[in-house]
Every structure is written in C-alpha cells, then in structure tokens.
PDB file of N, CA and C in Angstrom:
ATOM      1  N   UNK A   1     207.823-267.702-184.416  1.00  0.00           N
ATOM      2  CA  UNK A   1     207.300-267.406-183.100  1.00  0.00           C
ATOM      3  C   UNK A   1     206.360-266.219-183.197  1.00  0.00           C
ATOM      4  N   UNK A   2     205.262-266.325-182.511  1.00  0.00           N
ATOM      5  CA  UNK A   2     204.275-265.254-182.493  1.00  0.00           C
ATOM      6  C   UNK A   2     204.659-264.239-181.432  1.00  0.00           C
ATOM      7  N   UNK A   3     204.766-262.965-181.825  1.00  0.00           N
ATOM      8  CA  UNK A   3     205.110-261.922-180.879  1.00  0.00           C
ATOM      9  C   UNK A   3     203.917-261.042-180.564  1.00  0.00           C
ATOM     10  N   UNK A   4     202.715-261.558-180.807  1.00  0.00           N
ATOM     11  CA  UNK A   4     201.506-260.794-180.537  1.00  0.00           C
ATOM     12  C   UNK A   4     201.206-260.747-179.056  1.00  0.00           C
ATOM     13  N   UNK A   5     200.221-259.951-178.695  1.00  0.00           N
ATOM     14  CA  UNK A   5     199.825-259.828-177.299  1.00  0.00           C
ATOM     15  C   UNK A   5     198.672-260.769-177.010  1.00  0.00           C
ATOM     16  N   UNK A   6     198.451-261.033-175.758  1.00  0.00           N
ATOM     17  CA  UNK A   6     197.324-261.868-175.349  1.00  0.00           C
ATOM     18  C   UNK A   6     197.800-263.142-174.704  1.00  0.00           C
ATOM     19  N   UNK A   7     197.005-263.639-173.815  1.00  0.00           N
ATOM     20  CA  UNK A   7     197.386-264.810-173.050  1.00  0.00           C
ATOM     21  C   UNK A   7     197.327-266.096-173.863  1.00  0.00           C
ATOM     22  N   UNK A   8     196.571-266.106-174.948  1.00  0.00           N
ATOM     23  CA  UNK A   8     196.383-267.364-175.675  1.00  0.00           C
ATOM     24  C   UNK A   8     196.957-267.345-177.077  1.00  0.00           C
ATOM     25  N   UNK A   9     197.847-266.430-177.383  1.00  0.00           N
ATOM     26  CA  UNK A   9     198.380-266.355-178.730  1.00  0.00           C
ATOM     27  C   UNK A   9     199.786-266.874-178.868  1.00  0.00           C
ATOM     28  N   UNK A  10     200.322-267.555-177.852  1.00  0.00           N
ATOM     29  CA  UNK A  10     201.687-268.028-177.918  1.00  0.00           C
ATOM     30  C   UNK A  10     202.667-266.868-177.820  1.00  0.00           C
ATOM     31  N   UNK A  11     202.285-265.813-177.121  1.00  0.00           N
ATOM     32  CA  UNK A  11     203.132-264.636-176.997  1.00  0.00           C
ATOM     33  C   UNK A  11     204.456-265.007-176.342  1.00  0.00           C
ATOM     34  N   UNK A  12     205.504-264.328-176.759  1.00  0.00           N
ATOM     35  CA  UNK A  12     206.817-264.551-176.173  1.00  0.00           C
ATOM     36  C   UNK A  12     206.791-264.186-174.698  1.00  0.00           C
ATOM     37  N   UNK A  13     207.435-264.974-173.882  1.00  0.00           N
ATOM     38  CA  UNK A  13     207.534-264.710-172.447  1.00  0.00           C
ATOM     39  C   UNK A  13     208.915-264.114-172.189  1.00  0.00           C
ATOM     40  N   UNK A  14     209.031-263.360-171.123  1.00  0.00           N
ATOM     41  CA  UNK A  14     210.296-262.743-170.757  1.00  0.00           C
ATOM     42  C   UNK A  14     210.597-263.052-169.294  1.00  0.00           C
ATOM     43  N   UNK A  15     211.847-262.874-168.906  1.00  0.00           N
ATOM     44  CA  UNK A  15     212.265-263.155-167.538  1.00  0.00           C
ATOM     45  C   UNK A  15     212.552-261.842-166.823  1.00  0.00           C
ATOM     46  N   UNK A  16     211.928-261.671-165.669  1.00  0.00           N
ATOM     47  CA  UNK A  16     212.211-260.526-164.809  1.00  0.00           C
ATOM     48  C   UNK A  16     213.662-260.687-164.347  1.00  0.00           C
ATOM     49  N   UNK A  17     214.545-259.710-164.638  1.00  0.00           N
ATOM     50  CA  UNK A  17     215.962-259.871-164.307  1.00  0.00           C
ATOM     51  C   UNK A  17     216.250-259.830-162.805  1.00  0.00           C
ATOM     52  N   UNK A  18     215.315-259.372-161.999  1.00  0.00           N
ATOM     53  CA  UNK A  18     215.540-259.267-160.561  1.00  0.00           C
ATOM     54  C   UNK A  18     215.213-260.579-159.854  1.00  0.00           C
ATOM     55  N   UNK A  19     214.024-261.119-160.097  1.00  0.00           N
ATOM     56  CA  UNK A  19     213.606-262.316-159.367  1.00  0.00           C
ATOM     57  C   UNK A  19     213.652-263.595-160.202  1.00  0.00           C
ATOM     58  N   UNK A  20     213.786-263.446-161.519  1.00  0.00           N
ATOM     59  CA  UNK A  20     213.853-264.631-162.373  1.00  0.00           C
ATOM     60  C   UNK A  20     212.505-265.186-162.793  1.00  0.00           C
ATOM     61  N   UNK A  21     211.416-264.525-162.404  1.00  0.00           N
ATOM     62  CA  UNK A  21     210.082-264.986-162.754  1.00  0.00           C
ATOM     63  C   UNK A  21     209.836-264.800-164.255  1.00  0.00           C
ATOM     64  N   UNK A  22     209.207-265.777-164.887  1.00  0.00           N
ATOM     65  CA  UNK A  22     208.840-265.676-166.291  1.00  0.00           C
ATOM     66  C   UNK A  22     207.455-265.061-166.383  1.00  0.00           C
ATOM     67  N   UNK A  23     207.343-263.994-167.192  1.00  0.00           N
ATOM     68  CA  UNK A  23     206.076-263.270-167.308  1.00  0.00           C
ATOM     69  C   UNK A  23     205.760-262.966-168.767  1.00  0.00           C
ATOM     70  N   UNK A  24     204.507-262.660-169.019  1.00  0.00           N
ATOM     71  CA  UNK A  24     204.070-262.174-170.320  1.00  0.00           C
ATOM     72  C   UNK A  24     204.344-260.672-170.329  1.00  0.00           C
ATOM     73  N   UNK A  25     205.066-260.153-171.319  1.00  0.00           N
ATOM     74  CA  UNK A  25     205.370-258.725-171.343  1.00  0.00           C
ATOM     75  C   UNK A  25     204.123-257.847-171.285  1.00  0.00           C
ATOM     76  N   UNK A  26     203.011-258.325-171.814  1.00  0.00           N
ATOM     77  CA  UNK A  26     201.769-257.546-171.786  1.00  0.00           C
ATOM     78  C   UNK A  26     201.231-257.392-170.367  1.00  0.00           C
ATOM     79  N   UNK A  27     201.633-258.287-169.466  1.00  0.00           N
ATOM     80  CA  UNK A  27     201.170-258.251-168.082  1.00  0.00           C
ATOM     81  C   UNK A  27     202.196-257.638-167.131  1.00  0.00           C
ATOM     82  N   UNK A  28     203.309-257.132-167.663  1.00  0.00           N
ATOM     83  CA  UNK A  28     204.382-256.609-166.821  1.00  0.00           C
ATOM     84  C   UNK A  28     203.899-255.458-165.951  1.00  0.00           C
ATOM     85  N   UNK A  29     204.390-255.428-164.716  1.00  0.00           N
ATOM     86  CA  UNK A  29     204.052-254.348-163.780  1.00  0.00           C
ATOM     87  C   UNK A  29     204.889-253.109-164.041  1.00  0.00           C
ATOM     88  N   UNK A  30     205.931-253.260-164.846  1.00  0.00           N
ATOM     89  CA  UNK A  30     206.785-252.135-165.185  1.00  0.00           C
ATOM     90  C   UNK A  30     207.792-252.527-166.241  1.00  0.00           C
ATOM     91  N   UNK A  31     208.361-251.523-166.889  1.00  0.00           N
ATOM     92  CA  UNK A  31     209.350-251.720-167.949  1.00  0.00           C
ATOM     93  C   UNK A  31     210.457-250.697-167.755  1.00  0.00           C
ATOM     94  N   UNK A  32     211.708-251.121-167.942  1.00  0.00           N
ATOM     95  CA  UNK A  32     212.857-250.213-167.896  1.00  0.00           C
ATOM     96  C   UNK A  32     213.783-250.563-169.052  1.00  0.00           C
ATOM     97  N   UNK A  33     214.650-249.613-169.399  1.00  0.00           N
ATOM     98  CA  UNK A  33     215.663-249.864-170.413  1.00  0.00           C
ATOM     99  C   UNK A  33     217.030-249.592-169.823  1.00  0.00           C
ATOM    100  N   UNK A  34     218.000-250.421-170.204  1.00  0.00           N
ATOM    101  CA  UNK A  34     219.382-250.238-169.787  1.00  0.00           C
ATOM    102  C   UNK A  34     220.280-250.754-170.898  1.00  0.00           C
ATOM    103  N   UNK A  35     221.247-249.949-171.273  1.00  0.00           N
ATOM    104  CA  UNK A  35     222.217-250.332-172.312  1.00  0.00           C
ATOM    105  C   UNK A  35     221.528-250.845-173.582  1.00  0.00           C
ATOM    106  N   UNK A  36     220.419-250.207-173.946  1.00  0.00           N
ATOM    107  CA  UNK A  36     219.720-250.561-175.174  1.00  0.00           C
ATOM    108  C   UNK A  36     218.854-251.806-175.090  1.00  0.00           C
ATOM    109  N   UNK A  37     218.682-252.362-173.907  1.00  0.00           N
ATOM    110  CA  UNK A  37     217.862-253.554-173.723  1.00  0.00           C
ATOM    111  C   UNK A  37     216.643-253.201-172.880  1.00  0.00           C
ATOM    112  N   UNK A  38     215.489-253.729-173.264  1.00  0.00           N
ATOM    113  CA  UNK A  38     214.252-253.501-172.523  1.00  0.00           C
ATOM    114  C   UNK A  38     214.033-254.649-171.547  1.00  0.00           C
ATOM    115  N   UNK A  39     213.692-254.302-170.307  1.00  0.00           N
ATOM    116  CA  UNK A  39     213.437-255.286-169.257  1.00  0.00           C
ATOM    117  C   UNK A  39     212.021-255.122-168.737  1.00  0.00           C
ATOM    118  N   UNK A  40     211.369-256.246-168.475  1.00  0.00           N
ATOM    119  CA  UNK A  40     209.998-256.263-167.948  1.00  0.00           C
ATOM    120  C   UNK A  40     210.028-256.836-166.537  1.00  0.00           C
ATOM    121  N   UNK A  41     209.110-256.335-165.689  1.00  0.00           N
ATOM    122  CA  UNK A  41     209.123-256.716-164.279  1.00  0.00           C
ATOM    123  C   UNK A  41     207.774-257.249-163.833  1.00  0.00           C
ATOM    124  N   UNK A  42     207.824-258.210-162.911  1.00  0.00           N
ATOM    125  CA  UNK A  42     206.601-258.831-162.400  1.00  0.00           C
ATOM    126  C   UNK A  42     205.922-257.955-161.360  1.00  0.00           C
ATOM    127  N   UNK A  43     206.679-257.039-160.744  1.00  0.00           N
ATOM    128  CA  UNK A  43     206.121-256.197-159.694  1.00  0.00           C
ATOM    129  C   UNK A  43     206.836-254.849-159.661  1.00  0.00           C
ATOM    130  N   UNK A  44     206.179-253.844-159.093  1.00  0.00           N
ATOM    131  CA  UNK A  44     206.836-252.541-158.956  1.00  0.00           C
ATOM    132  C   UNK A  44     208.107-252.618-158.099  1.00  0.00           C
ATOM    133  N   UNK A  45     208.145-253.514-157.113  1.00  0.00           N
ATOM    134  CA  UNK A  45     209.341-253.592-156.273  1.00  0.00           C
ATOM    135  C   UNK A  45     210.542-254.141-157.049  1.00  0.00           C
ATOM    136  N   UNK A  46     210.314-255.078-157.955  1.00  0.00           N
ATOM    137  CA  UNK A  46     211.418-255.574-158.784  1.00  0.00           C
ATOM    138  C   UNK A  46     211.929-254.460-159.698  1.00  0.00           C
ATOM    139  N   UNK A  47     211.025-253.676-160.278  1.00  0.00           N
ATOM    140  CA  UNK A  47     211.436-252.557-161.132  1.00  0.00           C
ATOM    141  C   UNK A  47     212.243-251.555-160.328  1.00  0.00           C
ATOM    142  N   UNK A  48     211.807-251.256-159.110  1.00  0.00           N
ATOM    143  CA  UNK A  48     212.504-250.290-158.257  1.00  0.00           C
ATOM    144  C   UNK A  48     213.924-250.775-157.939  1.00  0.00           C
ATOM    145  N   UNK A  49     214.067-252.060-157.625  1.00  0.00           N
ATOM    146  CA  UNK A  49     215.388-252.622-157.341  1.00  0.00           C
ATOM    147  C   UNK A  49     216.289-252.536-158.571  1.00  0.00           C
ATOM    148  N   UNK A  50     215.738-252.838-159.732  1.00  0.00           N
ATOM    149  CA  UNK A  50     216.510-252.769-160.973  1.00  0.00           C
ATOM    150  C   UNK A  50     216.937-251.334-161.251  1.00  0.00           C
ATOM    151  N   UNK A  51     215.993-250.401-161.159  1.00  0.00           N
ATOM    152  CA  UNK A  51     216.280-248.999-161.470  1.00  0.00           C
ATOM    153  C   UNK A  51     217.334-248.408-160.533  1.00  0.00           C
ATOM    154  N   UNK A  52     217.404-248.902-159.294  1.00  0.00           N
ATOM    155  CA  UNK A  52     218.389-248.408-158.336  1.00  0.00           C
ATOM    156  C   UNK A  52     219.813-248.824-158.712  1.00  0.00           C
ATOM    157  N   UNK A  53     219.959-249.956-159.395  1.00  0.00           N
ATOM    158  CA  UNK A  53     221.291-250.447-159.766  1.00  0.00           C
ATOM    159  C   UNK A  53     221.198-251.395-160.960  1.00  0.00           C
ATOM    160  N   UNK A  54     220.961-250.850-162.169  1.00  0.00           N
ATOM    161  CA  UNK A  54     220.811-251.715-163.347  1.00  0.00           C
ATOM    162  C   UNK A  54     222.009-252.612-163.618  1.00  0.00           C
ATOM    163  N   UNK A  55     223.210-252.185-163.242  1.00  0.00           N
ATOM    164  CA  UNK A  55     224.386-253.023-163.514  1.00  0.00           C
ATOM    165  C   UNK A  55     224.375-254.304-162.692  1.00  0.00           C
ATOM    166  N   UNK A  56     223.651-254.294-161.593  1.00  0.00           N
ATOM    167  CA  UNK A  56     223.546-255.508-160.775  1.00  0.00           C
ATOM    168  C   UNK A  56     222.718-256.582-161.475  1.00  0.00           C
ATOM    169  N   UNK A  57     221.723-256.158-162.254  1.00  0.00           N
ATOM    170  CA  UNK A  57     220.791-257.097-162.886  1.00  0.00           C
ATOM    171  C   UNK A  57     220.813-257.042-164.403  1.00  0.00           C
ATOM    172  N   UNK A  58     221.352-255.981-164.963  1.00  0.00           N
ATOM    173  CA  UNK A  58     221.269-255.717-166.400  1.00  0.00           C
ATOM    174  C   UNK A  58     222.233-256.522-167.243  1.00  0.00           C
ATOM    175  N   UNK A  59     222.513-256.001-168.436  1.00  0.00           N
ATOM    176  CA  UNK A  59     223.268-256.744-169.440  1.00  0.00           C
ATOM    177  C   UNK A  59     224.690-257.101-169.028  1.00  0.00           C
ATOM    178  N   UNK A  60     225.276-256.388-168.074  1.00  0.00           N
ATOM    179  CA  UNK A  60     226.630-256.725-167.653  1.00  0.00           C
ATOM    180  C   UNK A  60     226.655-257.583-166.405  1.00  0.00           C
ATOM    181  N   UNK A  61     225.486-257.876-165.859  1.00  0.00           N
ATOM    182  CA  UNK A  61     225.426-258.711-164.655  1.00  0.00           C
ATOM    183  C   UNK A  61     225.832-260.129-164.994  1.00  0.00           C
ATOM    184  N   UNK A  62     226.462-260.780-164.041  1.00  0.00           N
ATOM    185  CA  UNK A  62     226.820-262.167-164.286  1.00  0.00           C
ATOM    186  C   UNK A  62     225.799-263.053-163.581  1.00  0.00           C
ATOM    187  N   UNK A  63     225.027-263.754-164.334  1.00  0.00           N
ATOM    188  CA  UNK A  63     223.966-264.589-163.783  1.00  0.00           C
ATOM    189  C   UNK A  63     222.658-263.832-163.702  1.00  0.00           C
ATOM    190  N   UNK A  64     221.664-264.477-163.111  1.00  0.00           N
ATOM    191  CA  UNK A  64     220.348-263.874-162.973  1.00  0.00           C
ATOM    192  C   UNK A  64     220.265-263.063-161.706  1.00  0.00           C
ATOM    193  N   UNK A  65     219.095-262.569-161.430  1.00  0.00           N
ATOM    194  CA  UNK A  65     218.882-261.672-160.297  1.00  0.00           C
ATOM    195  C   UNK A  65     219.118-262.304-158.943  1.00  0.00           C
ATOM    196  N   UNK A  66     218.721-261.600-157.931  1.00  0.00           N
ATOM    197  CA  UNK A  66     219.017-262.015-156.565  1.00  0.00           C
ATOM    198  C   UNK A  66     218.183-263.188-156.105  1.00  0.00           C
ATOM    199  N   UNK A  67     217.054-263.438-156.700  1.00  0.00           N
ATOM    200  CA  UNK A  67     216.184-264.535-156.295  1.00  0.00           C
ATOM    201  C   UNK A  67     216.177-265.574-157.395  1.00  0.00           C
ATOM    202  N   UNK A  68     216.773-266.674-157.155  1.00  0.00           N
ATOM    203  CA  UNK A  68     216.893-267.721-158.176  1.00  0.00           C
ATOM    204  C   UNK A  68     215.684-268.645-158.249  1.00  0.00           C
ATOM    205  N   UNK A  69     214.813-268.593-157.240  1.00  0.00           N
ATOM    206  CA  UNK A  69     213.716-269.555-157.180  1.00  0.00           C
ATOM    207  C   UNK A  69     212.612-269.277-158.181  1.00  0.00           C
ATOM    208  N   UNK A  70     212.448-267.993-158.568  1.00  0.00           N
ATOM    209  CA  UNK A  70     211.349-267.647-159.465  1.00  0.00           C
ATOM    210  C   UNK A  70     210.002-267.663-158.774  1.00  0.00           C
ATOM    211  N   UNK A  71     209.985-267.675-157.449  1.00  0.00           N
ATOM    212  CA  UNK A  71     208.745-267.728-156.696  1.00  0.00           C
ATOM    213  C   UNK A  71     208.294-266.362-156.202  1.00  0.00           C
ATOM    214  N   UNK A  72     208.940-265.300-156.662  1.00  0.00           N
ATOM    215  CA  UNK A  72     208.520-263.966-156.279  1.00  0.00           C
ATOM    216  C   UNK A  72     208.908-263.585-154.866  1.00  0.00           C
ATOM    217  N   UNK A  73     209.936-264.228-154.329  1.00  0.00           N
ATOM    218  CA  UNK A  73     210.290-263.974-152.933  1.00  0.00           C
ATOM    219  C   UNK A  73     210.771-262.548-152.697  1.00  0.00           C
ATOM    220  N   UNK A  74     211.217-261.866-153.698  1.00  0.00           N
ATOM    221  CA  UNK A  74     211.694-260.499-153.511  1.00  0.00           C
ATOM    222  C   UNK A  74     210.684-259.481-154.001  1.00  0.00           C
ATOM    223  N   UNK A  75     209.539-259.922-154.403  1.00  0.00           N
ATOM    224  CA  UNK A  75     208.542-259.030-155.004  1.00  0.00           C
ATOM    225  C   UNK A  75     207.613-258.511-153.961  1.00  0.00           C
TER     226      UNK A  75
END
C-alpha cells in the first residue's frame, strides 16, 4: 500500500472518528492524538467534539462516532 501524499497516489484514507467520513489525511482539517493513536478530522467542529471527550470517540469507544451516515451531518 502506498502511504504517500496526494490525491492520485493511492494514499491511505482514514475515518473521522466523530462523523465516520472517510478522508485523505493530507486534506484533514485537524489532527489529534489520544492513547497513542493519531486521529484525522474532516472539519474543525469534529476535532473540537473529539478533543472535548476523546473517550467518547477514541480507542476505547464502542463503535463509531455519533453520526453513522458519513454525510457530515455533525460537521
């Protein structure tokens, strides 16, 4: 798998833990770390929600974030 940057290089995609949206890490609106794991966010509001309570969305959370649709409804 190619872990390079850029939209056309087959870059690894990541999931915003708050809304469930799949994004390119190079395009992330923000990044946070919790319990040794790096999280990328589609919007500043998702990052703010995560930072306020990482245990709700982070590595110990059960399931994905509050928005299951992946349509950015919480962003």
